[in-house]
């Protein structure tokens, strides 16, 4: 009984694939005869691009790990120090900009009063 169900399921799957491929090829032939072609959806055109992009990311990451000049802990420490330096420089720049803007704001009312 169970074997009969599996055979029936296999038979139905094959029939569905056959009908589907026949429909697809028939539709393509009909469109071809009319001088038209099947319009691809955005997903049909984007999926291959995304696949290649993802593969490129994976290959790049693998090559980066293979040819890394430093060990992982050394690299993480180096990155941590560089981020710290960048943060310190950013804070200094923000303080400089804040000081300049306060100076300009303090000078602005005097200029308008003198011009009036």
PDB file of N, CA and C in Angstrom:
ATOM      1  N   UNK A   1       0.825  -1.196   0.000  1.00  0.00           N
ATOM      2  CA  UNK A   1       0.000   0.000   0.000  1.00  0.00           C
ATOM      3  C   UNK A   1       0.871   1.264   0.000  1.00  0.00           C
ATOM      4  N   UNK A   2       1.900   1.261   0.859  1.00  0.00           N
ATOM      5  CA  UNK A   2       2.762   2.428   0.937  1.00  0.00           C
ATOM      6  C   UNK A   2       3.562   2.594  -0.356  1.00  0.00           C
ATOM      7  N   UNK A   3       3.992   1.493  -0.931  1.00  0.00           N
ATOM      8  CA  UNK A   3       4.718   1.543  -2.196  1.00  0.00           C
ATOM      9  C   UNK A   3       3.857   2.083  -3.321  1.00  0.00           C
ATOM     10  N   UNK A   4       2.566   1.729  -3.303  1.00  0.00           N
ATOM     11  CA  UNK A   4       1.651   2.235  -4.328  1.00  0.00           C
ATOM     12  C   UNK A   4       1.503   3.751  -4.228  1.00  0.00           C
ATOM     13  N   UNK A   5       1.456   4.266  -2.975  1.00  0.00           N
ATOM     14  CA  UNK A   5       1.349   5.719  -2.772  1.00  0.00           C
ATOM     15  C   UNK A   5       2.590   6.434  -3.305  1.00  0.00           C
ATOM     16  N   UNK A   6       3.763   5.838  -3.077  1.00  0.00           N
ATOM     17  CA  UNK A   6       5.002   6.451  -3.549  1.00  0.00           C
ATOM     18  C   UNK A   6       5.052   6.452  -5.075  1.00  0.00           C
ATOM     19  N   UNK A   7       4.601   5.338  -5.687  1.00  0.00           N
ATOM     20  CA  UNK A   7       4.580   5.265  -7.151  1.00  0.00           C
ATOM     21  C   UNK A   7       3.610   6.291  -7.725  1.00  0.00           C
ATOM     22  N   UNK A   8       2.462   6.432  -7.084  1.00  0.00           N
ATOM     23  CA  UNK A   8       1.469   7.404  -7.537  1.00  0.00           C
ATOM     24  C   UNK A   8       2.019   8.826  -7.415  1.00  0.00           C
ATOM     25  N   UNK A   9       2.699   9.093  -6.307  1.00  0.00           N
ATOM     26  CA  UNK A   9       3.271  10.420  -6.106  1.00  0.00           C
ATOM     27  C   UNK A   9       4.338  10.697  -7.161  1.00  0.00           C
ATOM     28  N   UNK A  10       5.195   9.717  -7.431  1.00  0.00           N
ATOM     29  CA  UNK A  10       6.223   9.880  -8.454  1.00  0.00           C
ATOM     30  C   UNK A  10       5.598  10.128  -9.826  1.00  0.00           C
ATOM     31  N   UNK A  11       4.558   9.372 -10.125  1.00  0.00           N
ATOM     32  CA  UNK A  11       3.871   9.515 -11.401  1.00  0.00           C
ATOM     33  C   UNK A  11       3.260  10.910 -11.540  1.00  0.00           C
ATOM     34  N   UNK A  12       2.637  11.404 -10.454  1.00  0.00           N
ATOM     35  CA  UNK A  12       2.044  12.744 -10.485  1.00  0.00           C
ATOM     36  C   UNK A  12       3.118  13.824 -10.627  1.00  0.00           C
ATOM     37  N   UNK A  13       4.249  13.648  -9.938  1.00  0.00           N
ATOM     38  CA  UNK A  13       5.348  14.610 -10.057  1.00  0.00           C
ATOM     39  C   UNK A  13       5.876  14.662 -11.488  1.00  0.00           C
ATOM     40  N   UNK A  14       6.050  13.492 -12.104  1.00  0.00           N
ATOM     41  CA  UNK A  14       6.536  13.446 -13.484  1.00  0.00           C
ATOM     42  C   UNK A  14       5.536  14.097 -14.437  1.00  0.00           C
ATOM     43  N   UNK A  15       4.256  13.838 -14.213  1.00  0.00           N
ATOM     44  CA  UNK A  15       3.226  14.434 -15.066  1.00  0.00           C
ATOM     45  C   UNK A  15       3.231  15.954 -14.935  1.00  0.00           C
ATOM     46  N   UNK A  16       3.376  16.428 -13.708  1.00  0.00           N
ATOM     47  CA  UNK A  16       3.393  17.877 -13.485  1.00  0.00           C
ATOM     48  C   UNK A  16       4.601  18.509 -14.175  1.00  0.00           C
ATOM     49  N   UNK A  17       5.774  17.885 -14.050  1.00  0.00           N
ATOM     50  CA  UNK A  17       6.966  18.420 -14.706  1.00  0.00           C
ATOM     51  C   UNK A  17       6.809  18.420 -16.221  1.00  0.00           C
ATOM     52  N   UNK A  18       6.228  17.366 -16.737  1.00  0.00           N
ATOM     53  CA  UNK A  18       6.030  17.251 -18.186  1.00  0.00           C
ATOM     54  C   UNK A  18       5.083  18.334 -18.696  1.00  0.00           C
ATOM     55  N   UNK A  19       3.971  18.518 -17.994  1.00  0.00           N
ATOM     56  CA  UNK A  19       3.003  19.550 -18.392  1.00  0.00           C
ATOM     57  C   UNK A  19       3.633  20.928 -18.273  1.00  0.00           C
ATOM     58  N   UNK A  20       4.378  21.158 -17.195  1.00  0.00           N
ATOM     59  CA  UNK A  20       5.002  22.459 -16.976  1.00  0.00           C
ATOM     60  C   UNK A  20       6.013  22.764 -18.075  1.00  0.00           C
ATOM     61  N   UNK A  21       6.876  21.795 -18.404  1.00  0.00           N
ATOM     62  CA  UNK A  21       7.880  22.051 -19.438  1.00  0.00           C
ATOM     63  C   UNK A  21       7.227  22.196 -20.805  1.00  0.00           C
ATOM     64  N   UNK A  22       6.162  21.424 -21.063  1.00  0.00           N
ATOM     65  CA  UNK A  22       5.446  21.541 -22.335  1.00  0.00           C
ATOM     66  C   UNK A  22       4.807  22.915 -22.452  1.00  0.00           C
ATOM     67  N   UNK A  23       4.210  23.394 -21.362  1.00  0.00           N
ATOM     68  CA  UNK A  23       3.586  24.719 -21.367  1.00  0.00           C
ATOM     69  C   UNK A  23       4.641  25.789 -21.607  1.00  0.00           C
ATOM     70  N   UNK A  24       5.772  25.683 -20.876  1.00  0.00           N
ATOM     71  CA  UNK A  24       6.820  26.693 -21.030  1.00  0.00           C
ATOM     72  C   UNK A  24       7.363  26.718 -22.450  1.00  0.00           C
ATOM     73  N   UNK A  25       7.648  25.538 -23.025  1.00  0.00           N
ATOM     74  CA  UNK A  25       8.200  25.519 -24.381  1.00  0.00           C
ATOM     75  C   UNK A  25       7.143  25.959 -25.391  1.00  0.00           C
ATOM     76  N   UNK A  26       5.877  25.596 -25.171  1.00  0.00           N
ATOM     77  CA  UNK A  26       4.805  26.035 -26.061  1.00  0.00           C
ATOM     78  C   UNK A  26       4.628  27.537 -26.022  1.00  0.00           C
ATOM     79  N   UNK A  27       4.713  28.113 -24.840  1.00  0.00           N
ATOM     80  CA  UNK A  27       4.568  29.559 -24.682  1.00  0.00           C
ATOM     81  C   UNK A  27       5.732  30.272 -25.361  1.00  0.00           C
ATOM     82  N   UNK A  28       6.947  29.750 -25.190  1.00  0.00           N
ATOM     83  CA  UNK A  28       8.109  30.354 -25.837  1.00  0.00           C
ATOM     84  C   UNK A  28       7.972  30.289 -27.357  1.00  0.00           C
ATOM     85  N   UNK A  29       7.497  29.139 -27.877  1.00  0.00           N
ATOM     86  CA  UNK A  29       7.331  28.992 -29.328  1.00  0.00           C
ATOM     87  C   UNK A  29       6.275  29.963 -29.849  1.00  0.00           C
ATOM     88  N   UNK A  30       5.184  30.110 -29.123  1.00  0.00           N
ATOM     89  CA  UNK A  30       4.122  31.027 -29.533  1.00  0.00           C
ATOM     90  C   UNK A  30       4.628  32.467 -29.562  1.00  0.00           C
ATOM     91  N   UNK A  31       5.317  32.869 -28.505  1.00  0.00           N
ATOM     92  CA  UNK A  31       5.859  34.228 -28.465  1.00  0.00           C
ATOM     93  C   UNK A  31       6.872  34.434 -29.581  1.00  0.00           C
ATOM     94  N   UNK A  32       7.691  33.406 -29.860  1.00  0.00           N
ATOM     95  CA  UNK A  32       8.691  33.500 -30.918  1.00  0.00           C
ATOM     96  C   UNK A  32       8.023  33.685 -32.279  1.00  0.00           C
ATOM     97  N   UNK A  33       6.962  32.946 -32.529  1.00  0.00           N
ATOM     98  CA  UNK A  33       6.241  33.078 -33.801  1.00  0.00           C
ATOM     99  C   UNK A  33       5.639  34.469 -33.966  1.00  0.00           C
ATOM    100  N   UNK A  34       5.252  35.075 -32.864  1.00  0.00           N
ATOM    101  CA  UNK A  34       4.646  36.408 -32.919  1.00  0.00           C
ATOM    102  C   UNK A  34       5.703  37.507 -32.968  1.00  0.00           C
ATOM    103  N   UNK A  35       6.966  37.130 -32.858  1.00  0.00           N
ATOM    104  CA  UNK A  35       8.033  38.125 -32.860  1.00  0.00           C
ATOM    105  C   UNK A  35       8.207  38.788 -31.514  1.00  0.00           C
ATOM    106  N   UNK A  36       7.732  38.146 -30.482  1.00  0.00           N
ATOM    107  CA  UNK A  36       7.837  38.678 -29.124  1.00  0.00           C
ATOM    108  C   UNK A  36       8.749  37.779 -28.311  1.00  0.00           C
ATOM    109  N   UNK A  37       9.073  38.229 -27.143  1.00  0.00           N
ATOM    110  CA  UNK A  37       9.837  37.383 -26.238  1.00  0.00           C
ATOM    111  C   UNK A  37       9.317  37.557 -24.824  1.00  0.00           C
ATOM    112  N   UNK A  38       9.600  36.574 -24.005  1.00  0.00           N
ATOM    113  CA  UNK A  38       9.159  36.573 -22.612  1.00  0.00           C
ATOM    114  C   UNK A  38       9.864  37.694 -21.866  1.00  0.00           C
ATOM    115  N   UNK A  39       9.096  38.521 -21.183  1.00  0.00           N
ATOM    116  CA  UNK A  39       9.685  39.601 -20.401  1.00  0.00           C
ATOM    117  C   UNK A  39      10.123  39.047 -19.060  1.00  0.00           C
ATOM    118  N   UNK A  40      11.390  39.253 -18.762  1.00  0.00           N
ATOM    119  CA  UNK A  40      11.916  38.764 -17.492  1.00  0.00           C
ATOM    120  C   UNK A  40      11.500  39.705 -16.373  1.00  0.00           C
ATOM    121  N   UNK A  41      11.179  39.121 -15.248  1.00  0.00           N
ATOM    122  CA  UNK A  41      10.842  39.945 -14.086  1.00  0.00           C
ATOM    123  C   UNK A  41      12.131  40.500 -13.495  1.00  0.00           C
ATOM    124  N   UNK A  42      11.993  41.441 -12.589  1.00  0.00           N
ATOM    125  CA  UNK A  42      13.168  42.012 -11.934  1.00  0.00           C
ATOM    126  C   UNK A  42      13.949  40.953 -11.179  1.00  0.00           C
ATOM    127  N   UNK A  43      13.233  40.034 -10.559  1.00  0.00           N
ATOM    128  CA  UNK A  43      13.913  38.989  -9.798  1.00  0.00           C
ATOM    129  C   UNK A  43      14.695  38.057 -10.716  1.00  0.00           C
ATOM    130  N   UNK A  44      14.163  37.766 -11.891  1.00  0.00           N
ATOM    131  CA  UNK A  44      14.873  36.893 -12.825  1.00  0.00           C
ATOM    132  C   UNK A  44      16.177  37.516 -13.302  1.00  0.00           C
ATOM    133  N   UNK A  45      16.213  38.822 -13.396  1.00  0.00           N
ATOM    134  CA  UNK A  45      17.442  39.469 -13.840  1.00  0.00           C
ATOM    135  C   UNK A  45      18.363  39.818 -12.675  1.00  0.00           C
ATOM    136  N   UNK A  46      17.815  40.005 -11.481  1.00  0.00           N
ATOM    137  CA  UNK A  46      18.640  40.389 -10.335  1.00  0.00           C
ATOM    138  C   UNK A  46      19.268  39.207  -9.604  1.00  0.00           C
ATOM    139  N   UNK A  47      18.605  38.060  -9.598  1.00  0.00           N
ATOM    140  CA  UNK A  47      19.141  36.919  -8.858  1.00  0.00           C
ATOM    141  C   UNK A  47      20.521  36.493  -9.342  1.00  0.00           C
ATOM    142  N   UNK A  48      20.776  36.394 -10.638  1.00  0.00           N
ATOM    143  CA  UNK A  48      22.138  36.041 -11.051  1.00  0.00           C
ATOM    144  C   UNK A  48      23.166  37.090 -10.627  1.00  0.00           C
ATOM    145  N   UNK A  49      22.787  38.352 -10.697  1.00  0.00           N
ATOM    146  CA  UNK A  49      23.702  39.418 -10.291  1.00  0.00           C
ATOM    147  C   UNK A  49      24.013  39.303  -8.803  1.00  0.00           C
ATOM    148  N   UNK A  50      22.983  39.077  -7.996  1.00  0.00           N
ATOM    149  CA  UNK A  50      23.199  38.930  -6.558  1.00  0.00           C
ATOM    150  C   UNK A  50      24.026  37.691  -6.249  1.00  0.00           C
ATOM    151  N   UNK A  51      23.820  36.625  -7.014  1.00  0.00           N
ATOM    152  CA  UNK A  51      24.610  35.412  -6.819  1.00  0.00           C
ATOM    153  C   UNK A  51      26.084  35.656  -7.093  1.00  0.00           C
ATOM    154  N   UNK A  52      26.381  36.346  -8.182  1.00  0.00           N
ATOM    155  CA  UNK A  52      27.775  36.654  -8.515  1.00  0.00           C
ATOM    156  C   UNK A  52      28.366  37.600  -7.474  1.00  0.00           C
ATOM    157  N   UNK A  53      27.580  38.569  -7.034  1.00  0.00           N
ATOM    158  CA  UNK A  53      28.050  39.502  -6.009  1.00  0.00           C
ATOM    159  C   UNK A  53      28.382  38.764  -4.712  1.00  0.00           C
ATOM    160  N   UNK A  54      27.488  37.870  -4.285  1.00  0.00           N
ATOM    161  CA  UNK A  54      27.728  37.087  -3.071  1.00  0.00           C
ATOM    162  C   UNK A  54      28.953  36.202  -3.205  1.00  0.00           C
ATOM    163  N   UNK A  55      29.122  35.586  -4.373  1.00  0.00           N
ATOM    164  CA  UNK A  55      30.302  34.751  -4.596  1.00  0.00           C
ATOM    165  C   UNK A  55      31.569  35.600  -4.543  1.00  0.00           C
ATOM    166  N   UNK A  56      31.505  36.799  -5.087  1.00  0.00           N
ATOM    167  CA  UNK A  56      32.660  37.698  -5.038  1.00  0.00           C
ATOM    168  C   UNK A  56      33.025  38.087  -3.619  1.00  0.00           C
ATOM    169  N   UNK A  57      32.007  38.331  -2.804  1.00  0.00           N
ATOM    170  CA  UNK A  57      32.263  38.654  -1.397  1.00  0.00           C
ATOM    171  C   UNK A  57      32.931  37.476  -0.700  1.00  0.00           C
ATOM    172  N   UNK A  58      32.419  36.273  -0.943  1.00  0.00           N
ATOM    173  CA  UNK A  58      32.984  35.081  -0.307  1.00  0.00           C
ATOM    174  C   UNK A  58      34.428  34.860  -0.746  1.00  0.00           C
ATOM    175  N   UNK A  59      34.692  35.003  -2.038  1.00  0.00           N
ATOM    176  CA  UNK A  59      36.060  34.815  -2.541  1.00  0.00           C
ATOM    177  C   UNK A  59      36.979  35.888  -1.969  1.00  0.00           C
ATOM    178  N   UNK A  60      36.512  37.123  -1.926  1.00  0.00           N
ATOM    179  CA  UNK A  60      37.325  38.204  -1.373  1.00  0.00           C
ATOM    180  C   UNK A  60      37.648  37.994   0.097  1.00  0.00           C
ATOM    181  N   UNK A  61      36.664  37.549   0.861  1.00  0.00           N
ATOM    182  CA  UNK A  61      36.904  37.288   2.284  1.00  0.00           C
ATOM    183  C   UNK A  61      37.891  36.143   2.459  1.00  0.00           C
ATOM    184  N   UNK A  62      37.743  35.098   1.656  1.00  0.00           N
ATOM    185  CA  UNK A  62      38.658  33.957   1.758  1.00  0.00           C
ATOM    186  C   UNK A  62      40.081  34.371   1.390  1.00  0.00           C
ATOM    187  N   UNK A  63      40.228  35.142   0.318  1.00  0.00           N
ATOM    188  CA  UNK A  63      41.562  35.598  -0.072  1.00  0.00           C
ATOM    189  C   UNK A  63      42.150  36.534   0.977  1.00  0.00           C
ATOM    190  N   UNK A  64      41.307  37.365   1.564  1.00  0.00           N
ATOM    191  CA  UNK A  64      41.782  38.252   2.621  1.00  0.00           C
ATOM    192  C   UNK A  64      42.319  37.479   3.809  1.00  0.00           C
ATOM    193  N   UNK A  65      41.637  36.398   4.162  1.00  0.00           N
ATOM    194  CA  UNK A  65      42.122  35.577   5.271  1.00  0.00           C
ATOM    195  C   UNK A  65      43.391  34.827   4.902  1.00  0.00           C
ATOM    196  N   UNK A  66      43.477  34.364   3.663  1.00  0.00           N
ATOM    197  CA  UNK A  66      44.664  33.617   3.239  1.00  0.00           C
ATOM    198  C   UNK A  66      45.912  34.490   3.182  1.00  0.00           C
ATOM    199  N   UNK A  67      45.749  35.716   2.713  1.00  0.00           N
ATOM    200  CA  UNK A  67      46.904  36.576   2.504  1.00  0.00           C
ATOM    201  C   UNK A  67      47.035  37.676   3.549  1.00  0.00           C
ATOM    202  N   UNK A  68      46.377  37.533   4.671  1.00  0.00           N
ATOM    203  CA  UNK A  68      46.459  38.543   5.729  1.00  0.00           C
ATOM    204  C   UNK A  68      47.891  38.588   6.260  1.00  0.00           C
ATOM    205  N   UNK A  69      48.464  39.792   6.373  1.00  0.00           N
ATOM    206  CA  UNK A  69      49.852  39.888   6.827  1.00  0.00           C
ATOM    207  C   UNK A  69      50.014  39.682   8.328  1.00  0.00           C
ATOM    208  N   UNK A  70      48.932  39.704   9.065  1.00  0.00           N
ATOM    209  CA  UNK A  70      49.017  39.584  10.523  1.00  0.00           C
ATOM    210  C   UNK A  70      48.086  38.491  11.007  1.00  0.00           C
ATOM    211  N   UNK A  71      48.372  38.037  12.221  1.00  0.00           N
ATOM    212  CA  UNK A  71      47.467  37.079  12.850  1.00  0.00           C
ATOM    213  C   UNK A  71      46.197  37.807  13.263  1.00  0.00           C
ATOM    214  N   UNK A  72      45.160  37.047  13.555  1.00  0.00           N
ATOM    215  CA  UNK A  72      43.861  37.619  13.893  1.00  0.00           C
ATOM    216  C   UNK A  72      43.899  38.559  15.079  1.00  0.00           C
ATOM    217  N   UNK A  73      44.569  38.144  16.177  1.00  0.00           N
ATOM    218  CA  UNK A  73      44.591  39.005  17.363  1.00  0.00           C
ATOM    219  C   UNK A  73      45.396  40.277  17.107  1.00  0.00           C
ATOM    220  N   UNK A  74      46.483  40.173  16.341  1.00  0.00           N
ATOM    221  CA  UNK A  74      47.263  41.366  16.007  1.00  0.00           C
ATOM    222  C   UNK A  74      46.439  42.321  15.145  1.00  0.00           C
ATOM    223  N   UNK A  75      45.735  41.755  14.191  1.00  0.00           N
ATOM    224  CA  UNK A  75      44.907  42.570  13.304  1.00  0.00           C
ATOM    225  C   UNK A  75      43.791  43.264  14.080  1.00  0.00           C
ATOM    226  N   UNK A  76      43.146  42.541  15.000  1.00  0.00           N
ATOM    227  CA  UNK A  76      42.074  43.149  15.802  1.00  0.00           C
ATOM    228  C   UNK A  76      42.616  44.270  16.680  1.00  0.00           C
ATOM    229  N   UNK A  77      43.794  44.066  17.283  1.00  0.00           N
ATOM    230  CA  UNK A  77      44.394  45.125  18.101  1.00  0.00           C
ATOM    231  C   UNK A  77      44.734  46.343  17.250  1.00  0.00           C
ATOM    232  N   UNK A  78      45.276  46.096  16.056  1.00  0.00           N
ATOM    233  CA  UNK A  78      45.611  47.195  15.154  1.00  0.00           C
ATOM    234  C   UNK A  78      44.355  47.974  14.770  1.00  0.00           C
ATOM    235  N   UNK A  79      43.300  47.263  14.439  1.00  0.00           N
ATOM    236  CA  UNK A  79      42.034  47.919  14.083  1.00  0.00           C
ATOM    237  C   UNK A  79      41.492  48.700  15.274  1.00  0.00           C
ATOM    238  N   UNK A  80      41.558  48.103  16.464  1.00  0.00           N
ATOM    239  CA  UNK A  80      41.070  48.776  17.668  1.00  0.00           C
ATOM    240  C   UNK A  80      41.833  50.084  17.901  1.00  0.00           C
ATOM    241  N   UNK A  81      43.165  50.058  17.729  1.00  0.00           N
ATOM    242  CA  UNK A  81      43.957  51.276  17.925  1.00  0.00           C
ATOM    243  C   UNK A  81      43.638  52.324  16.861  1.00  0.00           C
ATOM    244  N   UNK A  82      43.477  51.888  15.633  1.00  0.00           N
ATOM    245  CA  UNK A  82      43.158  52.842  14.570  1.00  0.00           C
ATOM    246  C   UNK A  82      41.791  53.477  14.795  1.00  0.00           C
ATOM    247  N   UNK A  83      40.829  52.689  15.245  1.00  0.00           N
ATOM    248  CA  UNK A  83      39.504  53.244  15.535  1.00  0.00           C
ATOM    249  C   UNK A  83      39.586  54.227  16.692  1.00  0.00           C
ATOM    250  N   UNK A  84      40.382  53.894  17.708  1.00  0.00           N
ATOM    251  CA  UNK A  84      40.571  54.810  18.830  1.00  0.00           C
ATOM    252  C   UNK A  84      41.194  56.121  18.381  1.00  0.00           C
ATOM    253  N   UNK A  85      42.228  56.036  17.520  1.00  0.00           N
ATOM    254  CA  UNK A  85      42.856  57.252  16.995  1.00  0.00           C
ATOM    255  C   UNK A  85      41.865  58.068  16.173  1.00  0.00           C
ATOM    256  N   UNK A  86      41.092  57.392  15.356  1.00  0.00           N
ATOM    257  CA  UNK A  86      40.086  58.077  14.541  1.00  0.00           C
ATOM    258  C   UNK A  86      39.055  58.770  15.427  1.00  0.00           C
ATOM    259  N   UNK A  87      38.639  58.089  16.498  1.00  0.00           N
ATOM    260  CA  UNK A  87      37.677  58.688  17.426  1.00  0.00           C
ATOM    261  C   UNK A  87      38.275  59.927  18.093  1.00  0.00           C
ATOM    262  N   UNK A  88      39.538  59.834  18.519  1.00  0.00           N
ATOM    263  CA  UNK A  88      40.179  60.980  19.164  1.00  0.00           C
ATOM    264  C   UNK A  88      40.291  62.167  18.208  1.00  0.00           C
ATOM    265  N   UNK A  89      40.691  61.891  16.961  1.00  0.00           N
ATOM    266  CA  UNK A  89      40.789  62.975  15.983  1.00  0.00           C
ATOM    267  C   UNK A  89      39.419  63.573  15.690  1.00  0.00           C
ATOM    268  N   UNK A  90      38.387  62.733  15.667  1.00  0.00           N
ATOM    269  CA  UNK A  90      37.028  63.225  15.420  1.00  0.00           C
ATOM    270  C   UNK A  90      36.580  64.143  16.544  1.00  0.00           C
ATOM    271  N   UNK A  91      36.856  63.754  17.777  1.00  0.00           N
ATOM    272  CA  UNK A  91      36.483  64.586  18.926  1.00  0.00           C
ATOM    273  C   UNK A  91      37.212  65.921  18.855  1.00  0.00           C
ATOM    274  N   UNK A  92      38.494  65.896  18.488  1.00  0.00           N
ATOM    275  CA  UNK A  92      39.245  67.144  18.361  1.00  0.00           C
ATOM    276  C   UNK A  92      38.648  68.034  17.273  1.00  0.00           C
ATOM    277  N   UNK A  93      38.310  67.453  16.141  1.00  0.00           N
ATOM    278  CA  UNK A  93      37.717  68.228  15.049  1.00  0.00           C
ATOM    279  C   UNK A  93      36.369  68.816  15.463  1.00  0.00           C
ATOM    280  N   UNK A  94      35.566  68.022  16.156  1.00  0.00           N
ATOM    281  CA  UNK A  94      34.263  68.512  16.618  1.00  0.00           C
ATOM    282  C   UNK A  94      34.443  69.674  17.578  1.00  0.00           C
ATOM    283  N   UNK A  95      35.408  69.563  18.493  1.00  0.00           N
ATOM    284  CA  UNK A  95      35.669  70.661  19.426  1.00  0.00           C
ATOM    285  C   UNK A  95      36.122  71.916  18.682  1.00  0.00           C
ATOM    286  N   UNK A  96      36.974  71.740  17.671  1.00  0.00           N
ATOM    287  CA  UNK A  96      37.441  72.886  16.888  1.00  0.00           C
ATOM    288  C   UNK A  96      36.280  73.547  16.152  1.00  0.00           C
ATOM    289  N   UNK A  97      35.448  72.744  15.534  1.00  0.00           N
ATOM    290  CA  UNK A  97      34.290  73.283  14.809  1.00  0.00           C
ATOM    291  C   UNK A  97      33.332  73.973  15.774  1.00  0.00           C
ATOM    292  N   UNK A  98      33.109  73.367  16.939  1.00  0.00           N
ATOM    293  CA  UNK A  98      32.221  73.971  17.935  1.00  0.00           C
ATOM    294  C   UNK A  98      32.774  75.330  18.382  1.00  0.00           C
ATOM    295  N   UNK A  99      34.073  75.399  18.629  1.00  0.00           N
ATOM    296  CA  UNK A  99      34.685  76.654  19.071  1.00  0.00           C
ATOM    297  C   UNK A  99      34.557  77.726  17.978  1.00  0.00           C
ATOM    298  N   UNK A 100      34.831  77.347  16.717  1.00  0.00           N
ATOM    299  CA  UNK A 100      34.723  78.313  15.621  1.00  0.00           C
ATOM    300  C   UNK A 100      33.287  78.789  15.441  1.00  0.00           C
ATOM    301  N   UNK A 101      32.328  77.867  15.547  1.00  0.00           N
ATOM    302  CA  UNK A 101      30.927  78.266  15.366  1.00  0.00           C
ATOM    303  C   UNK A 101      30.469  79.164  16.508  1.00  0.00           C
ATOM    304  N   UNK A 102      30.910  78.894  17.739  1.00  0.00           N
ATOM    305  CA  UNK A 102      30.548  79.769  18.860  1.00  0.00           C
ATOM    306  C   UNK A 102      31.148  81.157  18.671  1.00  0.00           C
ATOM    307  N   UNK A 103      32.380  81.202  18.183  1.00  0.00           N
ATOM    308  CA  UNK A 103      33.025  82.490  17.929  1.00  0.00           C
ATOM    309  C   UNK A 103      32.267  83.267  16.859  1.00  0.00           C
ATOM    310  N   UNK A 104      31.868  82.570  15.798  1.00  0.00           N
ATOM    311  CA  UNK A 104      31.123  83.233  14.726  1.00  0.00           C
ATOM    312  C   UNK A 104      29.751  83.697  15.208  1.00  0.00           C
ATOM    313  N   UNK A 105      29.086  82.887  16.045  1.00  0.00           N
ATOM    314  CA  UNK A 105      27.777  83.283  16.565  1.00  0.00           C
ATOM    315  C   UNK A 105      27.889  84.483  17.493  1.00  0.00           C
ATOM    316  N   UNK A 106      28.962  84.523  18.283  1.00  0.00           N
ATOM    317  CA  UNK A 106      29.160  85.678  19.162  1.00  0.00           C
ATOM    318  C   UNK A 106      29.410  86.946  18.349  1.00  0.00           C
ATOM    319  N   UNK A 107      30.111  86.815  17.233  1.00  0.00           N
ATOM    320  CA  UNK A 107      30.433  87.982  16.408  1.00  0.00           C
ATOM    321  C   UNK A 107      29.243  88.421  15.561  1.00  0.00           C
ATOM    322  N   UNK A 108      28.342  87.540  15.241  1.00  0.00           N
ATOM    323  CA  UNK A 108      27.221  87.861  14.348  1.00  0.00           C
ATOM    324  C   UNK A 108      26.327  88.971  14.883  1.00  0.00           C
ATOM    325  N   UNK A 109      25.873  88.979  16.132  1.00  0.00           N
ATOM    326  CA  UNK A 109      25.003  90.073  16.602  1.00  0.00           C
ATOM    327  C   UNK A 109      25.703  91.424  16.578  1.00  0.00           C
ATOM    328  N   UNK A 110      27.007  91.448  16.861  1.00  0.00           N
ATOM    329  CA  UNK A 110      27.734  92.707  16.840  1.00  0.00           C
ATOM    330  C   UNK A 110      27.780  93.288  15.437  1.00  0.00           C
ATOM    331  N   UNK A 111      27.957  92.449  14.454  1.00  0.00           N
ATOM    332  CA  UNK A 111      28.017  92.933  13.075  1.00  0.00           C
ATOM    333  C   UNK A 111      26.678  93.517  12.670  1.00  0.00           C
ATOM    334  N   UNK A 112      25.593  92.875  13.030  1.00  0.00           N
ATOM    335  CA  UNK A 112      24.273  93.380  12.643  1.00  0.00           C
ATOM    336  C   UNK A 112      23.954  94.672  13.369  1.00  0.00           C
ATOM    337  N   UNK A 113      24.368  94.817  14.622  1.00  0.00           N
ATOM    338  CA  UNK A 113      24.108  96.059  15.345  1.00  0.00           C
ATOM    339  C   UNK A 113      24.932  97.197  14.764  1.00  0.00           C
ATOM    340  N   UNK A 114      26.174  96.912  14.392  1.00  0.00           N
ATOM    341  CA  UNK A 114      27.028  97.959  13.834  1.00  0.00           C
ATOM    342  C   UNK A 114      26.531  98.396  12.464  1.00  0.00           C
ATOM    343  N   UNK A 115      25.983  97.445  11.685  1.00  0.00           N
ATOM    344  CA  UNK A 115      25.482  97.778  10.352  1.00  0.00           C
ATOM    345  C   UNK A 115      24.199  98.610  10.428  1.00  0.00           C
ATOM    346  N   UNK A 116      23.430  98.480  11.493  1.00  0.00           N
ATOM    347  CA  UNK A 116      22.139  99.172  11.594  1.00  0.00           C
ATOM    348  C   UNK A 116      22.288 100.583  11.962  1.00  0.00           C
TER     349      UNK A 116
END
